[in-house]
Amino acid sequence: MRLAIVAAEFNREVTDVMVKKALTRAEERGIRVTSVVRVPGVFEIPLAVERLLERADVDAAVAIGAVIKGETLHDEALMAAVPKALLDIQRETGKPVGLGITGPGLTDEQAMARVDKGAEAVDVALAMHELLRGL
C-alpha cells in the first residue's frame, strides 16, 4: 500500500510525535509512505488529503492532528467539521483515510497520552485498504 500522511503544524509538540509513530508503524507494516505533508492546522487537513488521494501513487491517507481545549468552543467546532469532511472525501475517492486526530476537549497532557493514535490511524488505513480490495 502507498500512504500519504497529512499532519497539522498546530500543537506541533504533539503532532511531531504522532507523525514519528505513524512512520514507524508504516515501516513495520511494509507500507510505502509517498508523502508527508504539513498543513497549518487541523482545519486544513481535508483539502490536502483530498488532493493527495487524487494521485495515482496514493492508495490511502492518514490525517494527524491534536485538537486541544482552549478558552472557546473552537476545538468542538473543528471536531464537528473535520472528521465529516474526511468521511466525505473517503466516499468520493473510494480511498481510506485513517483518522489520527485527537480531541476535542483535551488538555496538553491528555493529548500527549494519545500520541499512539498516529500509529493506529496507519493500521486503520491499511485494514480498510485491504478490505476494500476484497469487496
C-alpha atoms as a PDB file:
ATOM      1  CA  MET A   1       0.000   0.000   0.000  1.00  0.00           C
ATOM      2  CA  ARG A   2       1.121   3.557  -0.744  1.00  0.00           C
ATOM      3  CA  LEU A   3       0.250   6.022   2.007  1.00  0.00           C
ATOM      4  CA  ALA A   4       0.199   9.804   2.349  1.00  0.00           C
ATOM      5  CA  ILE A   5       0.359  11.419   5.778  1.00  0.00           C
ATOM      6  CA  VAL A   6      -1.100  14.874   6.392  1.00  0.00           C
ATOM      7  CA  ALA A   7      -0.349  16.457   9.763  1.00  0.00           C
ATOM      8  CA  ALA A   8      -1.201  19.742  11.402  1.00  0.00           C
ATOM      9  CA  GLU A   9       1.610  22.102  12.403  1.00  0.00           C
ATOM     10  CA  PHE A  10      -0.540  23.489  15.238  1.00  0.00           C
ATOM     11  CA  ASN A  11       0.283  21.723  18.520  1.00  0.00           C
ATOM     12  CA  ARG A  12       3.462  20.518  16.840  1.00  0.00           C
ATOM     13  CA  GLU A  13       4.923  19.182  20.105  1.00  0.00           C
ATOM     14  CA  VAL A  14       2.179  16.543  19.935  1.00  0.00           C
ATOM     15  CA  THR A  15       1.792  16.074  16.188  1.00  0.00           C
ATOM     16  CA  ASP A  16       5.530  15.575  15.601  1.00  0.00           C
ATOM     17  CA  VAL A  17       5.434  12.572  17.920  1.00  0.00           C
ATOM     18  CA  MET A  18       2.276  11.293  16.221  1.00  0.00           C
ATOM     19  CA  VAL A  19       3.918  11.548  12.784  1.00  0.00           C
ATOM     20  CA  LYS A  20       7.006   9.725  14.028  1.00  0.00           C
ATOM     21  CA  LYS A  21       4.845   6.921  15.407  1.00  0.00           C
ATOM     22  CA  ALA A  22       2.876   6.752  12.147  1.00  0.00           C
ATOM     23  CA  LEU A  23       6.080   6.487  10.103  1.00  0.00           C
ATOM     24  CA  THR A  24       7.433   3.779  12.388  1.00  0.00           C
ATOM     25  CA  ARG A  25       4.199   1.794  12.120  1.00  0.00           C
ATOM     26  CA  ALA A  26       4.167   2.153   8.329  1.00  0.00           C
ATOM     27  CA  GLU A  27       7.710   0.798   8.167  1.00  0.00           C
ATOM     28  CA  GLU A  28       6.802  -2.099  10.481  1.00  0.00           C
ATOM     29  CA  ARG A  29       3.827  -2.989   8.279  1.00  0.00           C
ATOM     30  CA  GLY A  30       5.710  -2.686   4.969  1.00  0.00           C
ATOM     31  CA  ILE A  31       3.747   0.372   3.857  1.00  0.00           C
ATOM     32  CA  ARG A  32       5.419   2.824   1.487  1.00  0.00           C
ATOM     33  CA  VAL A  33       4.900   6.424   2.584  1.00  0.00           C
ATOM     34  CA  THR A  34       4.776   8.541  -0.574  1.00  0.00           C
ATOM     35  CA  SER A  35       4.281  11.933   1.109  1.00  0.00           C
ATOM     36  CA  VAL A  36       4.354  13.607   4.484  1.00  0.00           C
ATOM     37  CA  VAL A  37       2.616  16.974   4.189  1.00  0.00           C
ATOM     38  CA  ARG A  38       2.383  19.522   6.985  1.00  0.00           C
ATOM     39  CA  VAL A  39      -0.544  21.960   6.952  1.00  0.00           C
ATOM     40  CA  PRO A  40      -1.116  24.930   9.301  1.00  0.00           C
ATOM     41  CA  GLY A  41      -3.865  23.349  11.383  1.00  0.00           C
ATOM     42  CA  VAL A  42      -6.470  20.609  11.592  1.00  0.00           C
ATOM     43  CA  PHE A  43      -8.944  22.667   9.544  1.00  0.00           C
ATOM     44  CA  GLU A  44      -6.625  22.482   6.517  1.00  0.00           C
ATOM     45  CA  ILE A  45      -6.137  18.701   6.625  1.00  0.00           C
ATOM     46  CA  PRO A  46      -9.156  17.693   4.459  1.00  0.00           C
ATOM     47  CA  LEU A  47      -8.121  19.759   1.432  1.00  0.00           C
ATOM     48  CA  ALA A  48      -4.583  18.351   1.453  1.00  0.00           C
ATOM     49  CA  VAL A  49      -5.895  14.798   1.941  1.00  0.00           C
ATOM     50  CA  GLU A  50      -8.322  15.216  -0.935  1.00  0.00           C
ATOM     51  CA  ARG A  51      -5.589  16.481  -3.271  1.00  0.00           C
ATOM     52  CA  LEU A  52      -3.245  13.633  -2.318  1.00  0.00           C
ATOM     53  CA  LEU A  53      -5.918  10.964  -2.778  1.00  0.00           C
ATOM     54  CA  GLU A  54      -6.459  12.209  -6.325  1.00  0.00           C
ATOM     55  CA  ARG A  55      -2.949  10.994  -7.147  1.00  0.00           C
ATOM     56  CA  ALA A  56      -2.480   7.554  -8.684  1.00  0.00           C
ATOM     57  CA  ASP A  57       0.515   6.842  -6.426  1.00  0.00           C
ATOM     58  CA  VAL A  58      -1.550   7.179  -3.214  1.00  0.00           C
ATOM     59  CA  ASP A  59      -3.826   4.359  -2.042  1.00  0.00           C
ATOM     60  CA  ALA A  60      -4.775   5.788   1.353  1.00  0.00           C
ATOM     61  CA  ALA A  61      -4.104   8.685   3.690  1.00  0.00           C
ATOM     62  CA  VAL A  62      -3.685   9.354   7.369  1.00  0.00           C
ATOM     63  CA  ALA A  63      -4.827  12.614   8.981  1.00  0.00           C
ATOM     64  CA  ILE A  64      -2.885  13.637  12.098  1.00  0.00           C
ATOM     65  CA  GLY A  65      -3.717  16.425  14.495  1.00  0.00           C
ATOM     66  CA  ALA A  66      -4.271  17.287  18.148  1.00  0.00           C
ATOM     67  CA  VAL A  67      -7.249  19.481  18.997  1.00  0.00           C
ATOM     68  CA  ILE A  68      -6.571  20.810  22.484  1.00  0.00           C
ATOM     69  CA  LYS A  69      -9.140  22.710  24.563  1.00  0.00           C
ATOM     70  CA  GLY A  70      -8.671  26.458  24.625  1.00  0.00           C
ATOM     71  CA  GLU A  71     -10.736  29.276  26.072  1.00  0.00           C
ATOM     72  CA  THR A  72     -13.525  28.964  23.481  1.00  0.00           C
ATOM     73  CA  LEU A  73     -15.501  26.173  21.812  1.00  0.00           C
ATOM     74  CA  HIS A  74     -13.211  26.313  18.758  1.00  0.00           C
ATOM     75  CA  ASP A  75     -11.991  22.759  19.448  1.00  0.00           C
ATOM     76  CA  GLU A  76     -15.535  21.411  19.339  1.00  0.00           C
ATOM     77  CA  ALA A  77     -16.320  23.239  16.091  1.00  0.00           C
ATOM     78  CA  LEU A  78     -13.200  21.798  14.447  1.00  0.00           C
ATOM     79  CA  MET A  79     -14.029  18.267  15.527  1.00  0.00           C
ATOM     80  CA  ALA A  80     -17.581  18.613  14.279  1.00  0.00           C
ATOM     81  CA  ALA A  81     -16.395  19.649  10.803  1.00  0.00           C
ATOM     82  CA  VAL A  82     -13.089  17.952  10.005  1.00  0.00           C
ATOM     83  CA  PRO A  83     -13.964  14.261  10.542  1.00  0.00           C
ATOM     84  CA  LYS A  84     -17.142  14.784   8.479  1.00  0.00           C
ATOM     85  CA  ALA A  85     -15.107  16.319   5.657  1.00  0.00           C
ATOM     86  CA  LEU A  86     -12.658  13.393   5.771  1.00  0.00           C
ATOM     87  CA  LEU A  87     -15.536  10.907   5.671  1.00  0.00           C
ATOM     88  CA  ASP A  88     -16.949  12.664   2.616  1.00  0.00           C
ATOM     89  CA  ILE A  89     -13.530  12.526   0.928  1.00  0.00           C
ATOM     90  CA  GLN A  90     -13.276   8.791   1.587  1.00  0.00           C
ATOM     91  CA  ARG A  91     -16.647   8.206  -0.010  1.00  0.00           C
ATOM     92  CA  GLU A  92     -15.878  10.449  -3.000  1.00  0.00           C
ATOM     93  CA  THR A  93     -12.452   8.952  -3.734  1.00  0.00           C
ATOM     94  CA  GLY A  94     -13.105   5.382  -2.665  1.00  0.00           C
ATOM     95  CA  LYS A  95      -9.809   5.512  -0.772  1.00  0.00           C
ATOM     96  CA  PRO A  96      -9.484   5.153   3.014  1.00  0.00           C
ATOM     97  CA  VAL A  97      -8.437   7.856   5.439  1.00  0.00           C
ATOM     98  CA  GLY A  98      -7.119   6.849   8.849  1.00  0.00           C
ATOM     99  CA  LEU A  99      -8.313   9.357  11.456  1.00  0.00           C
ATOM    100  CA  GLY A 100      -5.409  10.228  13.711  1.00  0.00           C
ATOM    101  CA  ILE A 101      -6.863  13.458  15.058  1.00  0.00           C
ATOM    102  CA  THR A 102      -7.397  13.579  18.804  1.00  0.00           C
ATOM    103  CA  GLY A 103      -9.817  15.846  20.635  1.00  0.00           C
ATOM    104  CA  PRO A 104     -11.853  17.858  21.345  1.00  0.00           C
ATOM    105  CA  GLY A 105     -11.582  18.881  24.962  1.00  0.00           C
ATOM    106  CA  LEU A 106      -8.076  17.560  25.576  1.00  0.00           C
ATOM    107  CA  THR A 107      -5.517  19.074  27.886  1.00  0.00           C
ATOM    108  CA  ASP A 108      -1.887  19.140  26.766  1.00  0.00           C
ATOM    109  CA  GLU A 109      -1.209  16.123  28.972  1.00  0.00           C
ATOM    110  CA  GLN A 110      -4.154  14.168  27.571  1.00  0.00           C
ATOM    111  CA  ALA A 111      -3.028  14.948  24.027  1.00  0.00           C
ATOM    112  CA  MET A 112       0.477  13.617  24.741  1.00  0.00           C
ATOM    113  CA  ALA A 113      -1.042  10.480  26.274  1.00  0.00           C
ATOM    114  CA  ARG A 114      -2.811   9.801  22.956  1.00  0.00           C
ATOM    115  CA  VAL A 115       0.114  10.124  20.524  1.00  0.00           C
ATOM    116  CA  ASP A 116      -0.262   6.447  19.568  1.00  0.00           C
ATOM    117  CA  LYS A 117      -3.328   7.491  17.561  1.00  0.00           C
ATOM    118  CA  GLY A 118      -0.913   8.304  14.721  1.00  0.00           C
ATOM    119  CA  ALA A 119       0.173   4.659  14.522  1.00  0.00           C
ATOM    120  CA  GLU A 120      -3.382   3.429  14.994  1.00  0.00           C
ATOM    121  CA  ALA A 121      -4.526   5.554  12.056  1.00  0.00           C
ATOM    122  CA  VAL A 122      -1.972   3.776   9.853  1.00  0.00           C
ATOM    123  CA  ASP A 123      -3.379   0.424  10.987  1.00  0.00           C
ATOM    124  CA  VAL A 124      -6.915   1.544  10.143  1.00  0.00           C
ATOM    125  CA  ALA A 125      -5.930   2.845   6.701  1.00  0.00           C
ATOM    126  CA  LEU A 126      -4.204  -0.454   5.906  1.00  0.00           C
ATOM    127  CA  ALA A 127      -7.107  -2.546   7.203  1.00  0.00           C
ATOM    128  CA  MET A 128      -9.614  -0.586   5.138  1.00  0.00           C
ATOM    129  CA  HIS A 129      -7.393  -0.698   2.025  1.00  0.00           C
ATOM    130  CA  GLU A 130      -7.195  -4.491   2.285  1.00  0.00           C
ATOM    131  CA  LEU A 131     -10.923  -4.787   2.997  1.00  0.00           C
ATOM    132  CA  LEU A 132     -11.872  -2.623   0.020  1.00  0.00           C
ATOM    133  CA  ARG A 133      -9.602  -4.601  -2.311  1.00  0.00           C
ATOM    134  CA  GLY A 134     -11.567  -7.714  -1.373  1.00  0.00           C
ATOM    135  CA  LEU A 135     -15.041  -6.261  -1.919  1.00  0.00           C
END
